[in-house]
């Protein structure tokens, strides 16, 4: 089976440099991790193709399995929609879908993947950032496309059931680009307000998704108390915004339904309809490319930091409370990334990355590392009307 010209299967990864070549500037790159290409549904492929063919958006996927020809077949079928009427307004040539095998990237960057899901995702997201930098931001790169300073990175969970419209995503990408040089205080990260129901159930009352990645101002972790490492309300949290139940089909009255309504109502008082938060993801987030690629932050927690807190975390894991800690230990824990740990899990990789951005890129945290400067930053926002 011949490989479609728009597919770049990089199971044999090149690291050599070649003389600079003429390059085509693109507005954005979509990045995603997926276990198998077959896990992307028809709507997901439709989004990839429309962004690639209508809007000239590059696509980079890290795939754990199916990176050989068999896995590419479904990609070829979808990309070939460009020659049909299913993608109206398409360019003659789509921007490429570039696929890297997970094992090859792990080997290239000498990374050992963790058996814990969150830690594994964090390592892969950092590997993907390095790969994007190598492919599309290096002058001597052998790839004939590049992203400028005003480009965006569209980070997507591709195993979801529903996705926003391509035009809605590109409206936010264009807004980021137009404000890049004119407004340095414009949002660096725009998250979708993920909907907990599948697309087939959109007539139902909408419920907010991806609590694990969400922190509301000033410091409300949007995970129910019973599903946290520390099973008590912590300082600076709004108890009215903490979901009482996130498991099963039954939902309580003050929970993910009211959280979605809160975001929608809050958006009405914002000129751009974007709600500032401390952290979010929602299954899709649009980053300023330079922010996503910063070498100052990572999705992974440095091993030196984890080692420094190991005894304190062991003590908390025994009781799931901080009331038994000394005042000094409490203060130390509350200023650490580990206050956002769910039960049995490390902190969400998005929270780890965003807290670092607050500290060293956005300059929105005070010198002590725990207190937010006033007024609250709009560096990270939720689009309450962009639904996954």
Foldseek 3Di string as FASTA:
>chain_A
DDFDPQEAQPQPPDQDFAAFDAAAEAQEEEEEEEAALVLFDPQLLVLVQQCFFQRVYEYEYEYQDLSDPVRCPVVVVSNVCSVPPPHPNTDPDGHHHYYYYPVSLCVVVVHDADPAPQRNVQVVLQSVLVVCCSAAVDRRHPDRYHYDQQHKYKYFHRNAQDFFHNVVVVVVSVVSSVCVVPPVQAAQKEAEQAFPDHPVVVVDQTFGDDQLFFAFPPGARQEALVFALQNDDDPRHDPLRHFNDDDDDDGDPRHRSVNLVVLQVQLVVPPVSWAAGLGDHNRIMMGSSCLSNPPQAGLHDDPVVCVVCVVVSVVSNVPSHCVPPDPVSVVVCQLDQQNSGTVPGGRRSRNRRSLSCCVPPVVQADPVNRGGDPPHGRNYTYNSPGYD
